[in-house]
Amino acid sequence: AEVVELVAKENSKITKAPVKELKLPSDLTIGGLIRDGHGMIVTGNTHIQANDHVVIFCLDTALHKIEKLFN
């Protein structure tokens, strides 16, 4: 398993809809995010914004999928 912290870029797929509507792969879990210096728990209703630092738990096989969501 891997733990990855990524910054959401402007207009990346991860910023297009609330988490529950993104159809995320089953081999990753969003653990939380940091927005403007404040940690937040991510729920299905959370809408990730550009420049959010997102912590993801995943299998190493999911790393390429995650990169596509954030770029």
PDB file of N, CA and C in Angstrom:
ATOM      1  N   ALA A   1       0.844  -1.191   0.000  1.00  0.00           N
ATOM      2  CA  ALA A   1       0.000   0.000   0.000  1.00  0.00           C
ATOM      3  C   ALA A   1       0.881   1.243   0.000  1.00  0.00           C
ATOM      4  N   GLU A   2       0.334   2.300  -0.504  1.00  0.00           N
ATOM      5  CA  GLU A   2       1.028   3.582  -0.602  1.00  0.00           C
ATOM      6  C   GLU A   2       0.174   4.673   0.043  1.00  0.00           C
ATOM      7  N   VAL A   3       0.848   5.710   0.531  1.00  0.00           N
ATOM      8  CA  VAL A   3       0.182   6.931   0.973  1.00  0.00           C
ATOM      9  C   VAL A   3       0.760   8.054   0.131  1.00  0.00           C
ATOM     10  N   VAL A   4      -0.111   8.799  -0.533  1.00  0.00           N
ATOM     11  CA  VAL A   4       0.315   9.823  -1.471  1.00  0.00           C
ATOM     12  C   VAL A   4      -0.359  11.140  -1.103  1.00  0.00           C
ATOM     13  N   GLU A   5       0.396  12.230  -1.169  1.00  0.00           N
ATOM     14  CA  GLU A   5      -0.188  13.562  -1.025  1.00  0.00           C
ATOM     15  C   GLU A   5      -0.009  14.278  -2.349  1.00  0.00           C
ATOM     16  N   LEU A   6      -1.118  14.718  -2.928  1.00  0.00           N
ATOM     17  CA  LEU A   6      -1.082  15.423  -4.206  1.00  0.00           C
ATOM     18  C   LEU A   6      -1.827  16.743  -4.086  1.00  0.00           C
ATOM     19  N   VAL A   7      -1.431  17.694  -4.909  1.00  0.00           N
ATOM     20  CA  VAL A   7      -2.111  18.980  -4.962  1.00  0.00           C
ATOM     21  C   VAL A   7      -3.010  18.986  -6.193  1.00  0.00           C
ATOM     22  N   ALA A   8      -4.269  19.293  -5.979  1.00  0.00           N
ATOM     23  CA  ALA A   8      -5.227  19.347  -7.085  1.00  0.00           C
ATOM     24  C   ALA A   8      -4.930  20.568  -7.949  1.00  0.00           C
ATOM     25  N   LYS A   9      -4.766  20.320  -9.242  1.00  0.00           N
ATOM     26  CA  LYS A   9      -4.504  21.408 -10.180  1.00  0.00           C
ATOM     27  C   LYS A   9      -5.820  21.993 -10.685  1.00  0.00           C
ATOM     28  N   GLU A  10      -5.754  23.235 -11.116  1.00  0.00           N
ATOM     29  CA  GLU A  10      -6.909  23.909 -11.705  1.00  0.00           C
ATOM     30  C   GLU A  10      -7.437  23.088 -12.884  1.00  0.00           C
ATOM     31  N   ASN A  11      -8.731  22.867 -12.929  1.00  0.00           N
ATOM     32  CA  ASN A  11      -9.414  22.133 -14.006  1.00  0.00           C
ATOM     33  C   ASN A  11      -9.056  20.650 -14.101  1.00  0.00           C
ATOM     34  N   SER A  12      -8.469  20.075 -13.056  1.00  0.00           N
ATOM     35  CA  SER A  12      -8.199  18.639 -13.069  1.00  0.00           C
ATOM     36  C   SER A  12      -9.503  17.882 -12.839  1.00  0.00           C
ATOM     37  N   LYS A  13      -9.538  16.621 -13.225  1.00  0.00           N
ATOM     38  CA  LYS A  13     -10.762  15.814 -13.107  1.00  0.00           C
ATOM     39  C   LYS A  13     -11.262  15.745 -11.671  1.00  0.00           C
ATOM     40  N   ILE A  14     -10.351  15.724 -10.713  1.00  0.00           N
ATOM     41  CA  ILE A  14     -10.720  15.584  -9.298  1.00  0.00           C
ATOM     42  C   ILE A  14     -11.517  16.792  -8.797  1.00  0.00           C
ATOM     43  N   THR A  15     -11.430  17.932  -9.497  1.00  0.00           N
ATOM     44  CA  THR A  15     -12.118  19.159  -9.073  1.00  0.00           C
ATOM     45  C   THR A  15     -13.455  19.368  -9.774  1.00  0.00           C
ATOM     46  N   LYS A  16     -13.879  18.448 -10.611  1.00  0.00           N
ATOM     47  CA  LYS A  16     -15.061  18.648 -11.451  1.00  0.00           C
ATOM     48  C   LYS A  16     -16.397  18.380 -10.770  1.00  0.00           C
ATOM     49  N   ALA A  17     -16.399  17.601  -9.686  1.00  0.00           N
ATOM     50  CA  ALA A  17     -17.668  17.220  -9.042  1.00  0.00           C
ATOM     51  C   ALA A  17     -17.388  16.787  -7.606  1.00  0.00           C
ATOM     52  N   PRO A  18     -18.445  16.660  -6.786  1.00  0.00           N
ATOM     53  CA  PRO A  18     -18.256  16.103  -5.444  1.00  0.00           C
ATOM     54  C   PRO A  18     -17.674  14.695  -5.537  1.00  0.00           C
ATOM     55  N   VAL A  19     -16.970  14.270  -4.523  1.00  0.00           N
ATOM     56  CA  VAL A  19     -16.275  12.981  -4.518  1.00  0.00           C
ATOM     57  C   VAL A  19     -17.201  11.828  -4.885  1.00  0.00           C
ATOM     58  N   LYS A  20     -18.423  11.830  -4.380  1.00  0.00           N
ATOM     59  CA  LYS A  20     -19.332  10.705  -4.635  1.00  0.00           C
ATOM     60  C   LYS A  20     -19.727  10.576  -6.104  1.00  0.00           C
ATOM     61  N   GLU A  21     -19.538  11.617  -6.899  1.00  0.00           N
ATOM     62  CA  GLU A  21     -19.893  11.587  -8.311  1.00  0.00           C
ATOM     63  C   GLU A  21     -18.698  11.340  -9.232  1.00  0.00           C
ATOM     64  N   LEU A  22     -17.511  11.182  -8.674  1.00  0.00           N
ATOM     65  CA  LEU A  22     -16.299  11.070  -9.482  1.00  0.00           C
ATOM     66  C   LEU A  22     -16.019   9.669 -10.017  1.00  0.00           C
ATOM     67  N   LYS A  23     -16.727   8.658  -9.534  1.00  0.00           N
ATOM     68  CA  LYS A  23     -16.490   7.279  -9.945  1.00  0.00           C
ATOM     69  C   LYS A  23     -15.013   6.903  -9.782  1.00  0.00           C
ATOM     70  N   LEU A  24     -14.527   7.084  -8.564  1.00  0.00           N
ATOM     71  CA  LEU A  24     -13.121   6.789  -8.255  1.00  0.00           C
ATOM     72  C   LEU A  24     -12.867   5.287  -8.306  1.00  0.00           C
ATOM     73  N   PRO A  25     -11.662   4.889  -8.688  1.00  0.00           N
ATOM     74  CA  PRO A  25     -11.308   3.465  -8.681  1.00  0.00           C
ATOM     75  C   PRO A  25     -11.422   2.884  -7.270  1.00  0.00           C
ATOM     76  N   SER A  26     -11.757   1.614  -7.183  1.00  0.00           N
ATOM     77  CA  SER A  26     -11.952   0.980  -5.878  1.00  0.00           C
ATOM     78  C   SER A  26     -10.641   0.712  -5.145  1.00  0.00           C
ATOM     79  N   ASP A  27      -9.499   0.838  -5.828  1.00  0.00           N
ATOM     80  CA  ASP A  27      -8.212   0.575  -5.174  1.00  0.00           C
ATOM     81  C   ASP A  27      -7.562   1.830  -4.596  1.00  0.00           C
ATOM     82  N   LEU A  28      -8.371   2.865  -4.347  1.00  0.00           N
ATOM     83  CA  LEU A  28      -7.854   4.049  -3.655  1.00  0.00           C
ATOM     84  C   LEU A  28      -8.910   4.604  -2.713  1.00  0.00           C
ATOM     85  N   THR A  29      -8.433   5.242  -1.657  1.00  0.00           N
ATOM     86  CA  THR A  29      -9.298   5.883  -0.666  1.00  0.00           C
ATOM     87  C   THR A  29      -8.724   7.251  -0.354  1.00  0.00           C
ATOM     88  N   ILE A  30      -9.573   8.266  -0.399  1.00  0.00           N
ATOM     89  CA  ILE A  30      -9.133   9.611  -0.027  1.00  0.00           C
ATOM     90  C   ILE A  30      -9.232   9.712   1.490  1.00  0.00           C
ATOM     91  N   GLY A  31      -8.099   9.974   2.130  1.00  0.00           N
ATOM     92  CA  GLY A  31      -8.056  10.026   3.585  1.00  0.00           C
ATOM     93  C   GLY A  31      -8.413  11.379   4.164  1.00  0.00           C
ATOM     94  N   GLY A  32      -8.141  12.432   3.434  1.00  0.00           N
ATOM     95  CA  GLY A  32      -8.429  13.772   3.914  1.00  0.00           C
ATOM     96  C   GLY A  32      -7.795  14.788   3.004  1.00  0.00           C
ATOM     97  N   LEU A  33      -7.969  16.067   3.367  1.00  0.00           N
ATOM     98  CA  LEU A  33      -7.336  17.114   2.576  1.00  0.00           C
ATOM     99  C   LEU A  33      -6.985  18.287   3.465  1.00  0.00           C
ATOM    100  N   ILE A  34      -6.097  19.104   2.949  1.00  0.00           N
ATOM    101  CA  ILE A  34      -5.719  20.342   3.630  1.00  0.00           C
ATOM    102  C   ILE A  34      -6.067  21.481   2.684  1.00  0.00           C
ATOM    103  N   ARG A  35      -6.926  22.374   3.158  1.00  0.00           N
ATOM    104  CA  ARG A  35      -7.351  23.542   2.380  1.00  0.00           C
ATOM    105  C   ARG A  35      -7.081  24.788   3.212  1.00  0.00           C
ATOM    106  N   ASP A  36      -6.291  25.686   2.666  1.00  0.00           N
ATOM    107  CA  ASP A  36      -5.946  26.939   3.353  1.00  0.00           C
ATOM    108  C   ASP A  36      -5.389  26.688   4.747  1.00  0.00           C
ATOM    109  N   GLY A  37      -4.574  25.628   4.885  1.00  0.00           N
ATOM    110  CA  GLY A  37      -3.920  25.332   6.151  1.00  0.00           C
ATOM    111  C   GLY A  37      -4.770  24.588   7.165  1.00  0.00           C
ATOM    112  N   HIS A  38      -5.987  24.213   6.808  1.00  0.00           N
ATOM    113  CA  HIS A  38      -6.885  23.514   7.718  1.00  0.00           C
ATOM    114  C   HIS A  38      -7.160  22.108   7.200  1.00  0.00           C
ATOM    115  N   GLY A  39      -6.973  21.117   8.058  1.00  0.00           N
ATOM    116  CA  GLY A  39      -7.258  19.739   7.693  1.00  0.00           C
ATOM    117  C   GLY A  39      -8.746  19.475   7.679  1.00  0.00           C
ATOM    118  N   MET A  40      -9.176  18.650   6.726  1.00  0.00           N
ATOM    119  CA  MET A  40     -10.596  18.318   6.591  1.00  0.00           C
ATOM    120  C   MET A  40     -10.744  16.834   6.318  1.00  0.00           C
ATOM    121  N   ILE A  41     -11.793  16.242   6.833  1.00  0.00           N
ATOM    122  CA  ILE A  41     -12.153  14.875   6.485  1.00  0.00           C
ATOM    123  C   ILE A  41     -12.973  14.943   5.204  1.00  0.00           C
ATOM    124  N   VAL A  42     -12.701  14.043   4.289  1.00  0.00           N
ATOM    125  CA  VAL A  42     -13.403  14.030   3.009  1.00  0.00           C
ATOM    126  C   VAL A  42     -14.602  13.093   3.095  1.00  0.00           C
ATOM    127  N   THR A  43     -15.767  13.587   2.695  1.00  0.00           N
ATOM    128  CA  THR A  43     -16.980  12.775   2.608  1.00  0.00           C
ATOM    129  C   THR A  43     -17.411  12.743   1.138  1.00  0.00           C
ATOM    130  N   GLY A  44     -18.459  12.034   0.859  1.00  0.00           N
ATOM    131  CA  GLY A  44     -18.970  11.973  -0.505  1.00  0.00           C
ATOM    132  C   GLY A  44     -19.411  13.327  -1.037  1.00  0.00           C
ATOM    133  N   ASN A  45     -19.808  14.223  -0.139  1.00  0.00           N
ATOM    134  CA  ASN A  45     -20.268  15.552  -0.549  1.00  0.00           C
ATOM    135  C   ASN A  45     -19.145  16.567  -0.707  1.00  0.00           C
ATOM    136  N   THR A  46     -17.935  16.190  -0.330  1.00  0.00           N
ATOM    137  CA  THR A  46     -16.800  17.112  -0.433  1.00  0.00           C
ATOM    138  C   THR A  46     -16.484  17.380  -1.894  1.00  0.00           C
ATOM    139  N   HIS A  47     -16.312  18.650  -2.226  1.00  0.00           N
ATOM    140  CA  HIS A  47     -15.901  19.054  -3.571  1.00  0.00           C
ATOM    141  C   HIS A  47     -14.448  19.531  -3.458  1.00  0.00           C
ATOM    142  N   ILE A  48     -13.535  18.763  -3.996  1.00  0.00           N
ATOM    143  CA  ILE A  48     -12.116  19.107  -3.942  1.00  0.00           C
ATOM    144  C   ILE A  48     -11.872  20.295  -4.858  1.00  0.00           C
ATOM    145  N   GLN A  49     -11.119  21.260  -4.346  1.00  0.00           N
ATOM    146  CA  GLN A  49     -10.852  22.490  -5.096  1.00  0.00           C
ATOM    147  C   GLN A  49      -9.397  22.548  -5.528  1.00  0.00           C
ATOM    148  N   ALA A  50      -9.129  23.377  -6.516  1.00  0.00           N
ATOM    149  CA  ALA A  50      -7.751  23.592  -6.963  1.00  0.00           C
ATOM    150  C   ALA A  50      -6.902  24.036  -5.779  1.00  0.00           C
ATOM    151  N   ASN A  51      -5.690  23.541  -5.705  1.00  0.00           N
ATOM    152  CA  ASN A  51      -4.699  23.836  -4.660  1.00  0.00           C
ATOM    153  C   ASN A  51      -4.958  23.122  -3.337  1.00  0.00           C
ATOM    154  N   ASP A  52      -5.989  22.279  -3.247  1.00  0.00           N
ATOM    155  CA  ASP A  52      -6.167  21.441  -2.063  1.00  0.00           C
ATOM    156  C   ASP A  52      -5.071  20.380  -2.057  1.00  0.00           C
ATOM    157  N   HIS A  53      -4.515  20.115  -0.891  1.00  0.00           N
ATOM    158  CA  HIS A  53      -3.548  19.023  -0.708  1.00  0.00           C
ATOM    159  C   HIS A  53      -4.351  17.818  -0.257  1.00  0.00           C
ATOM    160  N   VAL A  54      -4.367  16.759  -1.065  1.00  0.00           N
ATOM    161  CA  VAL A  54      -5.218  15.603  -0.817  1.00  0.00           C
ATOM    162  C   VAL A  54      -4.350  14.401  -0.451  1.00  0.00           C
ATOM    163  N   VAL A  55      -4.707  13.718   0.642  1.00  0.00           N
ATOM    164  CA  VAL A  55      -3.995  12.528   1.088  1.00  0.00           C
ATOM    165  C   VAL A  55      -4.781  11.306   0.624  1.00  0.00           C
ATOM    166  N   ILE A  56      -4.084  10.408  -0.082  1.00  0.00           N
ATOM    167  CA  ILE A  56      -4.727   9.234  -0.667  1.00  0.00           C
ATOM    168  C   ILE A  56      -4.002   7.973  -0.223  1.00  0.00           C
ATOM    169  N   PHE A  57      -4.786   6.968   0.159  1.00  0.00           N
ATOM    170  CA  PHE A  57      -4.273   5.641   0.458  1.00  0.00           C
ATOM    171  C   PHE A  57      -4.623   4.768  -0.737  1.00  0.00           C
ATOM    172  N   CYS A  58      -3.636   4.023  -1.237  1.00  0.00           N
ATOM    173  CA  CYS A  58      -3.911   3.237  -2.439  1.00  0.00           C
ATOM    174  C   CYS A  58      -2.944   2.065  -2.564  1.00  0.00           C
ATOM    175  N   LEU A  59      -3.271   1.198  -3.497  1.00  0.00           N
ATOM    176  CA  LEU A  59      -2.341   0.152  -3.907  1.00  0.00           C
ATOM    177  C   LEU A  59      -1.379   0.768  -4.912  1.00  0.00           C
ATOM    178  N   ASP A  60      -0.171   0.242  -4.980  1.00  0.00           N
ATOM    179  CA  ASP A  60       0.799   0.832  -5.904  1.00  0.00           C
ATOM    180  C   ASP A  60       0.345   0.736  -7.355  1.00  0.00           C
ATOM    181  N   THR A  61      -0.559  -0.178  -7.653  1.00  0.00           N
ATOM    182  CA  THR A  61      -1.081  -0.309  -9.010  1.00  0.00           C
ATOM    183  C   THR A  61      -2.022   0.837  -9.391  1.00  0.00           C
ATOM    184  N   ALA A  62      -2.454   1.623  -8.408  1.00  0.00           N
ATOM    185  CA  ALA A  62      -3.392   2.716  -8.667  1.00  0.00           C
ATOM    186  C   ALA A  62      -2.704   4.058  -8.890  1.00  0.00           C
ATOM    187  N   LEU A  63      -1.397   4.123  -8.745  1.00  0.00           N
ATOM    188  CA  LEU A  63      -0.708   5.402  -8.829  1.00  0.00           C
ATOM    189  C   LEU A  63      -0.931   6.113 -10.160  1.00  0.00           C
ATOM    190  N   HIS A  64      -0.915   5.396 -11.260  1.00  0.00           N
ATOM    191  CA  HIS A  64      -1.122   6.045 -12.558  1.00  0.00           C
ATOM    192  C   HIS A  64      -2.552   6.578 -12.697  1.00  0.00           C
ATOM    193  N   LYS A  65      -3.518   5.912 -12.086  1.00  0.00           N
ATOM    194  CA  LYS A  65      -4.904   6.382 -12.127  1.00  0.00           C
ATOM    195  C   LYS A  65      -5.055   7.695 -11.339  1.00  0.00           C
ATOM    196  N   ILE A  66      -4.363   7.749 -10.208  1.00  0.00           N
ATOM    197  CA  ILE A  66      -4.429   8.934  -9.359  1.00  0.00           C
ATOM    198  C   ILE A  66      -3.824  10.135 -10.080  1.00  0.00           C
ATOM    199  N   GLU A  67      -2.697   9.944 -10.732  1.00  0.00           N
ATOM    200  CA  GLU A  67      -2.048  11.040 -11.456  1.00  0.00           C
ATOM    201  C   GLU A  67      -2.973  11.627 -12.521  1.00  0.00           C
ATOM    202  N   LYS A  68      -3.745  10.785 -13.189  1.00  0.00           N
ATOM    203  CA  LYS A  68      -4.682  11.268 -14.203  1.00  0.00           C
ATOM    204  C   LYS A  68      -5.781  12.128 -13.592  1.00  0.00           C
ATOM    205  N   LEU A  69      -6.198  11.796 -12.381  1.00  0.00           N
ATOM    206  CA  LEU A  69      -7.251  12.572 -11.719  1.00  0.00           C
ATOM    207  C   LEU A  69      -6.777  13.967 -11.312  1.00  0.00           C
ATOM    208  N   PHE A  70      -5.498  14.101 -11.001  1.00  0.00           N
ATOM    209  CA  PHE A  70      -4.983  15.357 -10.454  1.00  0.00           C
ATOM    210  C   PHE A  70      -4.291  16.243 -11.478  1.00  0.00           C
ATOM    211  N   ASN A  71      -4.091  15.779 -12.683  1.00  0.00           N
ATOM    212  CA  ASN A  71      -3.422  16.584 -13.712  1.00  0.00           C
ATOM    213  C   ASN A  71      -4.396  17.099 -14.745  1.00  0.00           C
TER     214      ASN A  71
END
